[in-house]
Every structure is written in C-alpha cells, then in structure tokens.
Amino acid sequence: VLIVLAAVILFGFAQQLILLRALSME
C-alpha cells in the first residue's frame, strides 16, 4: 500500500516535470 502511494506521488512529480519544462521553454 505504501509503495502504491509512493508511485502515485511519483506519477504526479513526473507530470509536474513535464509541465515545468513547458513553462520554461514555451
């Protein structure tokens, strides 16, 4: 259960990295 919670946070962090790159580049 704890690893699943960590994976959900990791997914959100990865999506945030993509968003931050778009904000920086575009």
PDB file of all heavy atoms in Angstrom:
ATOM      1  N   VAL A   1       0.833  -1.205   0.000  1.00  0.00           N
ATOM      2  CA  VAL A   1       0.000   0.000   0.000  1.00  0.00           C
ATOM      3  C   VAL A   1       0.867   1.254   0.000  1.00  0.00           C
ATOM      4  O   VAL A   1       0.607   2.218  -0.736  1.00  0.00           O
ATOM      5  CB  VAL A   1      -0.945  -0.008   1.216  1.00  0.00           C
ATOM      6  CG1 VAL A   1      -1.649   1.343   1.361  1.00  0.00           C
ATOM      7  CG2 VAL A   1      -1.978  -1.124   1.082  1.00  0.00           C
ATOM      8  N   LEU A   2       1.915   1.259   0.810  1.00  0.00           N
ATOM      9  CA  LEU A   2       2.797   2.425   0.870  1.00  0.00           C
ATOM     10  C   LEU A   2       3.532   2.635  -0.450  1.00  0.00           C
ATOM     11  O   LEU A   2       3.717   3.775  -0.897  1.00  0.00           O
ATOM     12  CB  LEU A   2       3.799   2.253   2.012  1.00  0.00           C
ATOM     13  CG  LEU A   2       3.214   2.306   3.428  1.00  0.00           C
ATOM     14  CD1 LEU A   2       4.289   2.001   4.454  1.00  0.00           C
ATOM     15  CD2 LEU A   2       2.589   3.669   3.701  1.00  0.00           C
ATOM     16  N   ILE A   3       3.937   1.561  -1.097  1.00  0.00           N
ATOM     17  CA  ILE A   3       4.611   1.684  -2.396  1.00  0.00           C
ATOM     18  C   ILE A   3       3.644   2.211  -3.450  1.00  0.00           C
ATOM     19  O   ILE A   3       4.035   2.993  -4.332  1.00  0.00           O
ATOM     20  CB  ILE A   3       5.219   0.326  -2.812  1.00  0.00           C
ATOM     21  CG1 ILE A   3       6.395  -0.015  -1.883  1.00  0.00           C
ATOM     22  CG2 ILE A   3       5.685   0.351  -4.267  1.00  0.00           C
ATOM     23  CD1 ILE A   3       6.997  -1.382  -2.126  1.00  0.00           C
ATOM     24  N   VAL A   4       2.390   1.804  -3.387  1.00  0.00           N
ATOM     25  CA  VAL A   4       1.386   2.339  -4.312  1.00  0.00           C
ATOM     26  C   VAL A   4       1.232   3.845  -4.111  1.00  0.00           C
ATOM     27  O   VAL A   4       1.171   4.617  -5.081  1.00  0.00           O
ATOM     28  CB  VAL A   4       0.036   1.615  -4.116  1.00  0.00           C
ATOM     29  CG1 VAL A   4      -1.089   2.372  -4.805  1.00  0.00           C
ATOM     30  CG2 VAL A   4       0.116   0.200  -4.660  1.00  0.00           C
ATOM     31  N   LEU A   5       1.161   4.289  -2.852  1.00  0.00           N
ATOM     32  CA  LEU A   5       1.069   5.723  -2.575  1.00  0.00           C
ATOM     33  C   LEU A   5       2.291   6.462  -3.121  1.00  0.00           C
ATOM     34  O   LEU A   5       2.171   7.551  -3.693  1.00  0.00           O
ATOM     35  CB  LEU A   5       0.927   5.967  -1.077  1.00  0.00           C
ATOM     36  CG  LEU A   5      -0.378   5.482  -0.428  1.00  0.00           C
ATOM     37  CD1 LEU A   5      -0.323   5.692   1.080  1.00  0.00           C
ATOM     38  CD2 LEU A   5      -1.577   6.208  -1.030  1.00  0.00           C
ATOM     39  N   ALA A   6       3.476   5.879  -2.939  1.00  0.00           N
ATOM     40  CA  ALA A   6       4.690   6.494  -3.465  1.00  0.00           C
ATOM     41  C   ALA A   6       4.660   6.559  -4.989  1.00  0.00           C
ATOM     42  O   ALA A   6       5.107   7.549  -5.586  1.00  0.00           O
ATOM     43  CB  ALA A   6       5.916   5.703  -2.999  1.00  0.00           C
ATOM     44  N   ALA A   7       4.115   5.525  -5.634  1.00  0.00           N
ATOM     45  CA  ALA A   7       4.040   5.518  -7.092  1.00  0.00           C
ATOM     46  C   ALA A   7       3.090   6.598  -7.602  1.00  0.00           C
ATOM     47  O   ALA A   7       3.336   7.218  -8.645  1.00  0.00           O
ATOM     48  CB  ALA A   7       3.592   4.140  -7.584  1.00  0.00           C
ATOM     49  N   VAL A   8       1.988   6.829  -6.870  1.00  0.00           N
ATOM     50  CA  VAL A   8       1.057   7.896  -7.260  1.00  0.00           C
ATOM     51  C   VAL A   8       1.748   9.254  -7.174  1.00  0.00           C
ATOM     52  O   VAL A   8       1.618  10.105  -8.066  1.00  0.00           O
ATOM     53  CB  VAL A   8      -0.198   7.858  -6.369  1.00  0.00           C
ATOM     54  CG1 VAL A   8      -1.073   9.085  -6.621  1.00  0.00           C
ATOM     55  CG2 VAL A   8      -0.988   6.578  -6.622  1.00  0.00           C
ATOM     56  N   ILE A   9       2.499   9.471  -6.088  1.00  0.00           N
ATOM     57  CA  ILE A   9       3.231  10.732  -5.945  1.00  0.00           C
ATOM     58  C   ILE A   9       4.286  10.853  -7.035  1.00  0.00           C
ATOM     59  O   ILE A   9       4.500  11.943  -7.593  1.00  0.00           O
ATOM     60  CB  ILE A   9       3.863  10.820  -4.544  1.00  0.00           C
ATOM     61  CG1 ILE A   9       2.767  10.901  -3.479  1.00  0.00           C
ATOM     62  CG2 ILE A   9       4.788  12.032  -4.443  1.00  0.00           C
ATOM     63  CD1 ILE A   9       3.298  10.898  -2.056  1.00  0.00           C
ATOM     64  N   LEU A  10       4.963   9.749  -7.356  1.00  0.00           N
ATOM     65  CA  LEU A  10       5.973   9.770  -8.416  1.00  0.00           C
ATOM     66  C   LEU A  10       5.349  10.136  -9.760  1.00  0.00           C
ATOM     67  O   LEU A  10       5.933  10.905 -10.538  1.00  0.00           O
ATOM     68  CB  LEU A  10       6.651   8.405  -8.511  1.00  0.00           C
ATOM     69  CG  LEU A  10       7.670   8.227  -9.643  1.00  0.00           C
ATOM     70  CD1 LEU A  10       8.850   9.177  -9.463  1.00  0.00           C
ATOM     71  CD2 LEU A  10       8.150   6.778  -9.710  1.00  0.00           C
ATOM     72  N   PHE A  11       4.160   9.607 -10.040  1.00  0.00           N
ATOM     73  CA  PHE A  11       3.478   9.938 -11.290  1.00  0.00           C
ATOM     74  C   PHE A  11       3.170  11.428 -11.350  1.00  0.00           C
ATOM     75  O   PHE A  11       3.378  12.083 -12.377  1.00  0.00           O
ATOM     76  CB  PHE A  11       2.191   9.125 -11.414  1.00  0.00           C
ATOM     77  CG  PHE A  11       1.453   9.351 -12.705  1.00  0.00           C
ATOM     78  CD1 PHE A  11       1.820   8.682 -13.855  1.00  0.00           C
ATOM     79  CD2 PHE A  11       0.380  10.230 -12.753  1.00  0.00           C
ATOM     80  CE1 PHE A  11       1.140   8.888 -15.042  1.00  0.00           C
ATOM     81  CE2 PHE A  11      -0.303  10.447 -13.937  1.00  0.00           C
ATOM     82  CZ  PHE A  11       0.078   9.770 -15.085  1.00  0.00           C
ATOM     83  N   GLY A  12       2.675  11.973 -10.238  1.00  0.00           N
ATOM     84  CA  GLY A  12       2.402  13.410 -10.203  1.00  0.00           C
ATOM     85  C   GLY A  12       3.662  14.239 -10.358  1.00  0.00           C
ATOM     86  O   GLY A  12       3.662  15.271 -11.042  1.00  0.00           O
ATOM     87  N   PHE A  13       4.763  13.787  -9.739  1.00  0.00           N
ATOM     88  CA  PHE A  13       6.033  14.502  -9.860  1.00  0.00           C
ATOM     89  C   PHE A  13       6.528  14.489 -11.303  1.00  0.00           C
ATOM     90  O   PHE A  13       7.017  15.508 -11.820  1.00  0.00           O
ATOM     91  CB  PHE A  13       7.064  13.861  -8.933  1.00  0.00           C
ATOM     92  CG  PHE A  13       8.434  14.464  -9.035  1.00  0.00           C
ATOM     93  CD1 PHE A  13       8.689  15.746  -8.576  1.00  0.00           C
ATOM     94  CD2 PHE A  13       9.483  13.742  -9.586  1.00  0.00           C
ATOM     95  CE1 PHE A  13       9.956  16.303  -8.658  1.00  0.00           C
ATOM     96  CE2 PHE A  13      10.751  14.282  -9.675  1.00  0.00           C
ATOM     97  CZ  PHE A  13      10.989  15.568  -9.217  1.00  0.00           C
ATOM     98  N   ALA A  14       6.405  13.335 -11.976  1.00  0.00           N
ATOM     99  CA  ALA A  14       6.841  13.247 -13.372  1.00  0.00           C
ATOM    100  C   ALA A  14       6.007  14.156 -14.274  1.00  0.00           C
ATOM    101  O   ALA A  14       6.543  14.828 -15.175  1.00  0.00           O
ATOM    102  CB  ALA A  14       6.750  11.796 -13.858  1.00  0.00           C
ATOM    103  N   GLN A  15       4.700  14.200 -14.046  1.00  0.00           N
ATOM    104  CA  GLN A  15       3.845  15.091 -14.818  1.00  0.00           C
ATOM    105  C   GLN A  15       4.198  16.553 -14.562  1.00  0.00           C
ATOM    106  O   GLN A  15       4.172  17.391 -15.467  1.00  0.00           O
ATOM    107  CB  GLN A  15       2.374  14.844 -14.464  1.00  0.00           C
ATOM    108  CG  GLN A  15       1.865  13.475 -14.848  1.00  0.00           C
ATOM    109  CD  GLN A  15       1.840  13.277 -16.347  1.00  0.00           C
ATOM    110  OE1 GLN A  15       1.454  14.164 -17.101  1.00  0.00           O
ATOM    111  NE2 GLN A  15       2.269  12.109 -16.788  1.00  0.00           N
ATOM    112  N   GLN A  16       4.559  16.847 -13.325  1.00  0.00           N
ATOM    113  CA  GLN A  16       4.952  18.214 -12.981  1.00  0.00           C
ATOM    114  C   GLN A  16       6.256  18.604 -13.684  1.00  0.00           C
ATOM    115  O   GLN A  16       6.416  19.752 -14.125  1.00  0.00           O
ATOM    116  CB  GLN A  16       5.111  18.345 -11.473  1.00  0.00           C
ATOM    117  CG  GLN A  16       5.341  19.768 -11.004  1.00  0.00           C
ATOM    118  CD  GLN A  16       5.458  19.842  -9.502  1.00  0.00           C
ATOM    119  OE1 GLN A  16       6.268  19.152  -8.893  1.00  0.00           O
ATOM    120  NE2 GLN A  16       4.628  20.676  -8.879  1.00  0.00           N
ATOM    121  N   LEU A  17       7.184  17.655 -13.808  1.00  0.00           N
ATOM    122  CA  LEU A  17       8.430  17.932 -14.528  1.00  0.00           C
ATOM    123  C   LEU A  17       8.153  18.300 -15.984  1.00  0.00           C
ATOM    124  O   LEU A  17       8.777  19.214 -16.533  1.00  0.00           O
ATOM    125  CB  LEU A  17       9.358  16.724 -14.457  1.00  0.00           C
ATOM    126  CG  LEU A  17       9.956  16.370 -13.095  1.00  0.00           C
ATOM    127  CD1 LEU A  17      10.869  15.163 -13.215  1.00  0.00           C
ATOM    128  CD2 LEU A  17      10.703  17.554 -12.507  1.00  0.00           C
ATOM    129  N   ILE A  18       7.216  17.583 -16.599  1.00  0.00           N
ATOM    130  CA  ILE A  18       6.854  17.889 -17.989  1.00  0.00           C
ATOM    131  C   ILE A  18       6.238  19.288 -18.081  1.00  0.00           C
ATOM    132  O   ILE A  18       6.541  20.069 -18.995  1.00  0.00           O
ATOM    133  CB  ILE A  18       5.882  16.821 -18.529  1.00  0.00           C
ATOM    134  CG1 ILE A  18       6.574  15.448 -18.554  1.00  0.00           C
ATOM    135  CG2 ILE A  18       5.390  17.193 -19.924  1.00  0.00           C
ATOM    136  CD1 ILE A  18       5.661  14.308 -18.957  1.00  0.00           C
ATOM    137  N   LEU A  19       5.370  19.624 -17.109  1.00  0.00           N
ATOM    138  CA  LEU A  19       4.740  20.950 -17.102  1.00  0.00           C
ATOM    139  C   LEU A  19       5.783  22.051 -16.898  1.00  0.00           C
ATOM    140  O   LEU A  19       5.749  23.087 -17.579  1.00  0.00           O
ATOM    141  CB  LEU A  19       3.683  21.017 -15.997  1.00  0.00           C
ATOM    142  CG  LEU A  19       3.019  22.378 -15.772  1.00  0.00           C
ATOM    143  CD1 LEU A  19       2.279  22.821 -17.022  1.00  0.00           C
ATOM    144  CD2 LEU A  19       2.077  22.324 -14.577  1.00  0.00           C
ATOM    145  N   LEU A  20       6.717  21.836 -15.991  1.00  0.00           N
ATOM    146  CA  LEU A  20       7.747  22.849 -15.726  1.00  0.00           C
ATOM    147  C   LEU A  20       8.637  23.059 -16.946  1.00  0.00           C
ATOM    148  O   LEU A  20       9.060  24.192 -17.213  1.00  0.00           O
ATOM    149  CB  LEU A  20       8.592  22.429 -14.522  1.00  0.00           C
ATOM    150  CG  LEU A  20       7.883  22.423 -13.166  1.00  0.00           C
ATOM    151  CD1 LEU A  20       8.826  21.941 -12.076  1.00  0.00           C
ATOM    152  CD2 LEU A  20       7.345  23.813 -12.834  1.00  0.00           C
ATOM    153  N   ARG A  21       8.923  21.998 -17.668  1.00  0.00           N
ATOM    154  CA  ARG A  21       9.718  22.152 -18.891  1.00  0.00           C
ATOM    155  C   ARG A  21       8.972  22.999 -19.904  1.00  0.00           C
ATOM    156  O   ARG A  21       9.547  23.869 -20.570  1.00  0.00           O
ATOM    157  CB  ARG A  21      10.053  20.791 -19.496  1.00  0.00           C
ATOM    158  CG  ARG A  21      10.852  20.880 -20.801  1.00  0.00           C
ATOM    159  CD  ARG A  21      11.049  19.515 -21.429  1.00  0.00           C
ATOM    160  NE  ARG A  21      11.796  19.625 -22.674  1.00  0.00           N
ATOM    161  CZ  ARG A  21      11.274  19.894 -23.863  1.00  0.00           C
ATOM    162  NH1 ARG A  21       9.949  20.134 -23.944  1.00  0.00           N
ATOM    163  NH2 ARG A  21      12.007  19.973 -24.948  1.00  0.00           N
ATOM    164  N   ALA A  22       7.647  22.763 -20.029  1.00  0.00           N
ATOM    165  CA  ALA A  22       6.851  23.547 -20.966  1.00  0.00           C
ATOM    166  C   ALA A  22       6.820  25.018 -20.555  1.00  0.00           C
ATOM    167  O   ALA A  22       6.915  25.918 -21.403  1.00  0.00           O
ATOM    168  CB  ALA A  22       5.429  22.986 -21.044  1.00  0.00           C
ATOM    169  N   LEU A  23       6.695  25.275 -19.259  1.00  0.00           N
ATOM    170  CA  LEU A  23       6.689  26.662 -18.793  1.00  0.00           C
ATOM    171  C   LEU A  23       8.031  27.336 -19.063  1.00  0.00           C
ATOM    172  O   LEU A  23       8.090  28.521 -19.412  1.00  0.00           O
ATOM    173  CB  LEU A  23       6.387  26.710 -17.295  1.00  0.00           C
ATOM    174  CG  LEU A  23       4.966  26.332 -16.869  1.00  0.00           C
ATOM    175  CD1 LEU A  23       4.857  26.285 -15.352  1.00  0.00           C
ATOM    176  CD2 LEU A  23       3.955  27.312 -17.451  1.00  0.00           C
ATOM    177  N   SER A  24       9.110  26.593 -18.910  1.00  0.00           N
ATOM    178  CA  SER A  24      10.436  27.163 -19.120  1.00  0.00           C
ATOM    179  C   SER A  24      10.721  27.407 -20.603  1.00  0.00           C
ATOM    180  O   SER A  24      11.238  28.458 -20.983  1.00  0.00           O
ATOM    181  CB  SER A  24      11.498  26.235 -18.532  1.00  0.00           C
ATOM    182  OG  SER A  24      12.795  26.714 -18.806  1.00  0.00           O
ATOM    183  N   MET A  25      10.359  26.435 -21.448  1.00  0.00           N
ATOM    184  CA  MET A  25      10.705  26.515 -22.867  1.00  0.00           C
ATOM    185  C   MET A  25       9.739  27.381 -23.655  1.00  0.00           C
ATOM    186  O   MET A  25      10.148  28.113 -24.568  1.00  0.00           O
ATOM    187  CB  MET A  25      10.748  25.101 -23.466  1.00  0.00           C
ATOM    188  CG  MET A  25      11.753  24.161 -22.805  1.00  0.00           C
ATOM    189  SD  MET A  25      13.467  24.706 -23.010  1.00  0.00           S
ATOM    190  CE  MET A  25      13.647  24.548 -24.788  1.00  0.00           C
ATOM    191  N   GLU A  26       8.458  27.326 -23.317  1.00  0.00           N
ATOM    192  CA  GLU A  26       7.444  27.989 -24.133  1.00  0.00           C
ATOM    193  C   GLU A  26       6.951  29.307 -23.522  1.00  0.00           C
ATOM    194  O   GLU A  26       6.674  30.260 -24.252  1.00  0.00           O
ATOM    195  CB  GLU A  26       6.245  27.052 -24.348  1.00  0.00           C
ATOM    196  CG  GLU A  26       6.614  25.703 -24.941  1.00  0.00           C
ATOM    197  CD  GLU A  26       7.222  25.821 -26.327  1.00  0.00           C
ATOM    198  OE1 GLU A  26       6.955  26.818 -27.026  1.00  0.00           O
ATOM    199  OE2 GLU A  26       7.975  24.905 -26.726  1.00  0.00           O
TER     200      GLU A  26
END
